[in-house]
């Protein structure tokens, strides 16, 4: 069985994006303090979580070895999903901080006015370009190698793009027409975007952590039935991530009178499952031809029995 270990590439991507995110954070913070913009300072806070996410990703990537050992016989893949949920937690914190700052500005409107220049707007356009690059770079590599931490971080950075666009709109309004209220008003949609990004990360990774079905049992059943010598298969269960690492269990009824023939049939089933779904560990319980069962998955209480019982 082939095991895919892409941790070195994940770490390389995370190190590159960490450097870029630190640069972006410094630019946003500097322009935010210079202009007094609440929405831009909130955006800088959002960028702090980007850098923290990269560090978290580097840590969990080192732990998430796909190779089994004595203490983790199913590998360590879920560490990466835990790291992705950590990203969602960071997003939740950022959302709270943004809303808190916006409400404080509304209740205490005596803060200094926001001032912005054309050169500072150009710096923010540079920030936007870097965010766009990081998002598409991480997402492309993440989908290619099946890395949940990279895909989750790409979602996070995608929220940065919309946040920065919103902030830019507000600052342009202040620059052209002195619409000071735009800075506070736009802080609220920024918070909503941040929250939505975190929710998407949770939706993408929670099924993996709770061992949700990876492939419909009917699909596995149809594939196994194509193998000569297979009479039927039932009690099919699957978990994991297709294309990354998946685990399949099944009971297989084979038309064989000796162990060697039964073994050959099960090996062929495993090979076809590997070809269809990528890295997969299959556990097969072999049963004799006289056994009868129509319970493909665990959705019913139907059982099996030997003919004549």
Protein backbone atom coordinates (compact mmCIF):
# COMPACT_ATOMS: atom_id res chain seq x y z
CA UNK A 1 0.00 0.00 0.00
CA UNK A 2 1.42 3.38 -1.02
CA UNK A 3 1.46 6.10 1.62
CA UNK A 4 1.68 9.73 0.54
CA UNK A 5 3.89 11.95 2.72
CA UNK A 6 3.77 15.55 1.52
CA UNK A 7 4.80 17.22 4.75
CA UNK A 8 8.04 18.67 3.33
CA UNK A 9 6.14 20.49 0.58
CA UNK A 10 3.50 21.67 3.06
CA UNK A 11 6.22 23.14 5.29
CA UNK A 12 7.89 24.86 2.33
CA UNK A 13 4.61 26.52 1.29
CA UNK A 14 3.84 27.55 4.87
CA UNK A 15 7.29 29.13 5.31
CA UNK A 16 6.88 31.17 2.11
CA UNK A 17 3.41 32.35 3.10
CA UNK A 18 4.57 33.08 6.66
CA UNK A 19 7.17 35.53 5.32
CA UNK A 20 4.62 37.19 3.03
CA UNK A 21 1.98 37.39 5.79
CA UNK A 22 4.46 39.04 8.18
CA UNK A 23 5.28 41.60 5.50
CA UNK A 24 1.57 42.26 4.86
CA UNK A 25 0.84 42.55 8.59
CA UNK A 26 3.63 45.11 9.04
CA UNK A 27 2.37 47.21 6.12
CA UNK A 28 -1.24 47.19 7.34
CA UNK A 29 -0.25 48.04 10.91
CA UNK A 30 2.04 50.88 9.81
CA UNK A 31 -0.56 52.43 7.50
CA UNK A 32 -3.30 51.84 10.08
CA UNK A 33 -1.43 53.68 12.83
CA UNK A 34 -0.43 56.48 10.44
CA UNK A 35 -4.01 57.05 9.24
CA UNK A 36 -5.92 56.21 12.43
CA UNK A 37 -8.17 53.81 10.49
CA UNK A 38 -10.07 51.37 12.70
CA UNK A 39 -11.00 49.10 9.80
CA UNK A 40 -7.38 48.91 8.65
CA UNK A 41 -6.10 48.17 12.16
CA UNK A 42 -8.75 45.44 12.39
CA UNK A 43 -7.48 44.11 9.07
CA UNK A 44 -3.95 44.12 10.50
CA UNK A 45 -5.24 42.09 13.46
CA UNK A 46 -6.72 39.66 10.96
CA UNK A 47 -3.28 39.40 9.34
CA UNK A 48 -1.72 38.59 12.72
CA UNK A 49 -3.88 35.48 12.75
CA UNK A 50 -2.56 34.64 9.26
CA UNK A 51 0.99 34.48 10.60
CA UNK A 52 -0.13 32.57 13.70
CA UNK A 53 -1.94 30.10 11.46
CA UNK A 54 1.24 29.52 9.45
CA UNK A 55 3.17 28.78 12.64
CA UNK A 56 0.39 26.47 13.82
CA UNK A 57 0.39 24.76 10.43
CA UNK A 58 4.16 24.20 10.58
CA UNK A 59 3.78 22.64 14.02
CA UNK A 60 0.87 20.35 13.16
CA UNK A 61 2.41 19.41 9.80
CA UNK A 62 5.44 18.05 11.62
CA UNK A 63 3.16 15.93 13.81
CA UNK A 64 0.83 14.69 11.05
CA UNK A 65 2.93 11.81 9.73
CA UNK A 66 0.94 9.43 7.51
CA UNK A 67 3.08 6.49 8.66
CA UNK A 68 1.62 4.30 11.42
CA UNK A 69 3.50 3.51 14.60
CA UNK A 70 2.84 1.60 17.80
CA UNK A 71 0.89 4.42 19.48
CA UNK A 72 -0.90 5.60 16.32
CA UNK A 73 -1.53 2.52 14.15
CA UNK A 74 -3.76 4.53 11.80
CA UNK A 75 -1.18 7.27 11.20
CA UNK A 76 -1.23 10.87 12.37
CA UNK A 77 -3.27 12.60 9.66
CA UNK A 78 -5.83 14.03 12.06
CA UNK A 79 -3.25 16.33 13.62
CA UNK A 80 -3.50 18.39 10.44
CA UNK A 81 -7.29 18.59 10.74
CA UNK A 82 -6.90 19.68 14.36
CA UNK A 83 -4.58 22.42 13.12
CA UNK A 84 -7.19 23.52 10.60
CA UNK A 85 -9.75 23.82 13.41
CA UNK A 86 -7.19 25.92 15.27
CA UNK A 87 -7.31 28.29 12.30
CA UNK A 88 -11.09 28.50 12.74
CA UNK A 89 -10.55 29.39 16.41
CA UNK A 90 -8.14 32.18 15.44
CA UNK A 91 -10.74 33.52 13.01
CA UNK A 92 -13.34 33.54 15.76
CA UNK A 93 -11.03 35.57 18.00
CA UNK A 94 -10.34 38.04 15.19
CA UNK A 95 -14.07 38.44 14.55
CA UNK A 96 -14.72 39.24 18.21
CA UNK A 97 -11.89 41.79 18.38
CA UNK A 98 -13.08 43.57 15.23
CA UNK A 99 -16.67 43.86 16.50
CA UNK A 100 -15.52 45.02 19.91
CA UNK A 101 -13.36 47.79 18.40
CA UNK A 102 -16.15 48.94 16.07
CA UNK A 103 -18.68 49.15 18.91
CA UNK A 104 -16.21 51.08 21.07
CA UNK A 105 -15.67 53.56 18.23
CA UNK A 106 -19.45 54.06 17.89
CA UNK A 107 -19.94 54.55 21.65
CA UNK A 108 -16.91 56.82 21.92
CA UNK A 109 -16.79 58.85 18.71
CA UNK A 110 -14.13 61.23 20.02
CA UNK A 111 -11.27 59.43 18.31
CA UNK A 112 -9.02 61.34 15.92
CA UNK A 113 -10.17 61.56 12.32
CA UNK A 114 -8.90 59.18 9.70
CA UNK A 115 -6.45 60.72 7.23
CA UNK A 116 -5.22 58.90 4.14
CA UNK A 117 -2.92 59.78 1.24
CA UNK A 118 -2.55 58.40 -2.27
CA UNK A 119 0.80 56.75 -1.41
CA UNK A 120 -0.79 54.87 1.48
CA UNK A 121 -3.56 53.64 -0.82
CA UNK A 122 -0.93 52.32 -3.23
CA UNK A 123 0.68 50.41 -0.36
CA UNK A 124 -2.69 48.79 0.37
CA UNK A 125 -2.99 47.78 -3.30
CA UNK A 126 0.36 46.03 -2.90
CA UNK A 127 -1.04 44.25 0.16
CA UNK A 128 -4.07 43.15 -1.87
CA UNK A 129 -1.85 41.73 -4.61
CA UNK A 130 0.19 39.71 -2.10
CA UNK A 131 -2.98 38.30 -0.53
CA UNK A 132 -4.30 37.24 -3.92
CA UNK A 133 -1.02 35.48 -4.72
CA UNK A 134 -0.91 33.67 -1.35
CA UNK A 135 -4.53 32.50 -1.65
CA UNK A 136 -4.22 30.96 -5.10
CA UNK A 137 -0.73 29.56 -4.39
CA UNK A 138 -1.83 27.77 -1.20
CA UNK A 139 -5.11 26.53 -2.67
CA UNK A 140 -3.46 25.18 -5.84
CA UNK A 141 -0.76 23.30 -3.91
CA UNK A 142 -3.24 22.19 -1.22
CA UNK A 143 -5.61 20.59 -3.73
CA UNK A 144 -2.72 19.02 -5.65
CA UNK A 145 -1.21 17.26 -2.63
CA UNK A 146 -4.43 16.88 -0.59
CA UNK A 147 -3.36 19.09 2.34
CA UNK A 148 -6.25 20.24 4.54
CA UNK A 149 -4.05 22.72 6.40
CA UNK A 150 -3.07 24.52 3.18
CA UNK A 151 -6.64 24.57 1.87
CA UNK A 152 -7.91 25.90 5.22
CA UNK A 153 -5.24 28.59 5.28
CA UNK A 154 -6.14 29.55 1.70
CA UNK A 155 -9.75 30.07 2.84
CA UNK A 156 -8.46 32.29 5.60
CA UNK A 157 -6.35 34.36 3.21
CA UNK A 158 -9.30 34.60 0.81
CA UNK A 159 -11.17 36.37 3.58
CA UNK A 160 -8.21 38.76 3.77
CA UNK A 161 -8.75 39.68 0.12
CA UNK A 162 -12.36 40.70 0.69
CA UNK A 163 -11.47 42.42 3.93
CA UNK A 164 -8.75 44.46 2.25
CA UNK A 165 -11.06 45.36 -0.65
CA UNK A 166 -13.70 46.56 1.83
CA UNK A 167 -11.15 48.60 3.75
CA UNK A 168 -9.83 50.11 0.53
CA UNK A 169 -13.33 51.16 -0.49
CA UNK A 170 -13.82 52.89 2.83
CA UNK A 171 -10.45 54.63 2.73
CA UNK A 172 -11.00 55.81 -0.83
CA UNK A 173 -14.32 57.28 0.33
CA UNK A 174 -12.52 59.07 3.15
CA UNK A 175 -9.76 60.26 0.79
CA UNK A 176 -12.15 61.63 -1.84
CA UNK A 177 -15.17 62.80 0.16
CA UNK A 178 -14.08 62.67 3.84
CA UNK A 179 -16.76 60.08 4.68
CA UNK A 180 -15.40 59.27 8.14
CA UNK A 181 -18.33 57.01 9.06
CA UNK A 182 -17.33 54.51 6.34
CA UNK A 183 -14.36 53.38 8.42
CA UNK A 184 -16.56 52.17 11.31
CA UNK A 185 -19.42 50.86 9.18
CA UNK A 186 -17.12 48.69 7.06
CA UNK A 187 -15.65 47.07 10.17
CA UNK A 188 -18.88 45.08 10.58
CA UNK A 189 -18.88 43.31 7.17
CA UNK A 190 -15.18 42.64 7.77
CA UNK A 191 -16.14 40.74 10.92
CA UNK A 192 -18.84 38.78 9.06
CA UNK A 193 -16.36 37.75 6.37
CA UNK A 194 -13.90 36.59 8.99
CA UNK A 195 -16.59 34.53 10.75
CA UNK A 196 -17.73 32.94 7.47
CA UNK A 197 -14.17 31.87 6.64
CA UNK A 198 -13.89 30.13 10.01
CA UNK A 199 -17.22 28.36 9.48
CA UNK A 200 -16.05 27.04 6.11
CA UNK A 201 -12.90 25.64 7.71
CA UNK A 202 -14.98 23.84 10.36
CA UNK A 203 -17.32 22.38 7.74
CA UNK A 204 -14.37 21.07 5.72
CA UNK A 205 -12.55 19.35 8.60
CA UNK A 206 -15.10 18.25 11.19
CA UNK A 207 -16.34 15.24 9.11
CA UNK A 208 -12.79 13.88 9.04
CA UNK A 209 -12.37 14.19 12.80
CA UNK A 210 -15.70 12.47 13.58
CA UNK A 211 -15.06 9.63 11.07
CA UNK A 212 -17.87 10.55 8.71
CA UNK A 213 -18.39 8.24 5.72
CA UNK A 214 -15.71 8.89 3.08
CA UNK A 215 -17.29 7.00 0.15
CA UNK A 216 -20.86 5.77 -0.33
CA UNK A 217 -20.95 2.03 0.55
CA UNK A 218 -22.96 1.37 -2.61
CA UNK A 219 -20.00 2.55 -4.70
CA UNK A 220 -17.59 0.28 -2.86
CA UNK A 221 -20.08 -2.59 -3.17
CA UNK A 222 -20.39 -2.11 -6.93
CA UNK A 223 -16.61 -2.05 -7.37
CA UNK A 224 -16.07 -5.18 -5.28
CA UNK A 225 -18.78 -7.07 -7.16
CA UNK A 226 -16.84 -6.57 -10.40
CA UNK A 227 -14.08 -8.85 -9.11
CA UNK A 228 -14.46 -12.50 -10.26
CA UNK A 229 -15.12 -14.80 -7.33
CA UNK A 230 -16.93 -12.22 -5.19
CA UNK A 231 -20.43 -13.44 -4.36
CA UNK A 232 -21.40 -10.45 -2.22
CA UNK A 233 -20.01 -7.90 0.20
CA UNK A 234 -21.73 -6.22 3.14
CA UNK A 235 -21.13 -4.31 6.40
CA UNK A 236 -19.11 -1.76 4.42
CA UNK A 237 -17.64 1.20 6.29
CA UNK A 238 -15.21 3.90 5.18
CA UNK A 239 -13.54 6.92 6.74
CA UNK A 240 -10.71 9.30 5.97
CA UNK A 241 -10.11 11.52 2.95
CA UNK A 242 -10.32 10.27 -0.63
CA UNK A 243 -7.01 10.75 -2.40
CA UNK A 244 -5.15 11.36 0.85
CA UNK A 245 -5.65 8.39 3.16
CA UNK A 246 -8.77 6.29 3.50
CA UNK A 247 -9.72 3.25 5.57
CA UNK A 248 -12.30 0.70 4.38
CA UNK A 249 -13.78 -2.27 6.21
CA UNK A 250 -16.06 -4.88 4.69
CA UNK A 251 -17.30 -8.44 4.95
CA UNK A 252 -16.72 -10.34 1.72
CA UNK A 253 -18.47 -13.50 0.59
CA UNK A 254 -16.21 -15.33 -1.84
CA UNK A 255 -16.66 -18.37 -4.04
CA UNK A 256 -13.61 -20.24 -2.77
CA UNK A 257 -12.98 -23.53 -1.02
CA UNK A 258 -9.39 -22.83 0.05
CA UNK A 259 -7.56 -19.98 1.77
CA UNK A 260 -5.22 -19.32 -1.15
CA UNK A 261 -8.07 -18.64 -3.60
CA UNK A 262 -9.92 -16.48 -1.06
CA UNK A 263 -6.75 -14.50 -0.45
CA UNK A 264 -6.24 -13.91 -4.18
CA UNK A 265 -9.79 -12.60 -4.54
CA UNK A 266 -9.43 -10.21 -1.60
CA UNK A 267 -6.10 -8.95 -2.94
CA UNK A 268 -7.79 -8.10 -6.24
CA UNK A 269 -10.52 -6.20 -4.38
CA UNK A 270 -7.90 -4.21 -2.47
CA UNK A 271 -6.02 -3.41 -5.68
CA UNK A 272 -9.11 -2.05 -7.40
CA UNK A 273 -10.04 0.05 -4.39
CA UNK A 274 -6.50 1.48 -4.33
CA UNK A 275 -6.67 2.32 -8.02
CA UNK A 276 -10.03 4.04 -7.64
CA UNK A 277 -9.60 5.96 -4.40
CA UNK A 278 -5.85 6.44 -3.93
CA UNK A 279 -4.03 5.48 -0.69
CA UNK A 280 -6.38 3.15 1.17
CA UNK A 281 -6.07 0.54 3.93
CA UNK A 282 -8.62 -2.22 3.52
CA UNK A 283 -9.71 -4.70 6.18
CA UNK A 284 -11.70 -7.62 4.78
CA UNK A 285 -13.51 -10.30 6.78
CA UNK A 286 -13.95 -13.32 4.47
CA UNK A 287 -17.10 -15.41 4.72
CA UNK A 288 -18.08 -18.69 3.02
CA UNK A 289 -20.35 -18.88 -0.06
CA UNK A 290 -23.20 -20.25 2.08
CA UNK A 291 -23.42 -17.01 4.07
CA UNK A 292 -26.32 -14.68 3.13
CA UNK A 293 -26.59 -10.95 3.86
CA UNK A 294 -28.13 -7.94 2.15
CA UNK A 295 -26.79 -5.40 4.66
CA UNK A 296 -24.50 -3.27 2.48
CA UNK A 297 -23.85 -0.66 5.16
CA UNK A 298 -24.78 -0.04 8.81
CA UNK A 299 -27.99 1.86 8.07
CA UNK A 300 -30.24 -1.09 8.81
CA UNK A 301 -30.52 -3.76 11.46
CA UNK A 302 -30.52 -6.59 8.94
CA UNK A 303 -28.06 -9.35 9.66
CA UNK A 304 -26.70 -12.34 7.87
CA UNK A 305 -27.04 -16.06 8.25
CA UNK A 306 -25.87 -19.30 6.79
CA UNK A 307 -28.17 -21.06 4.36
CA UNK A 308 -30.26 -23.68 6.13
CA UNK A 309 -30.42 -21.84 9.45
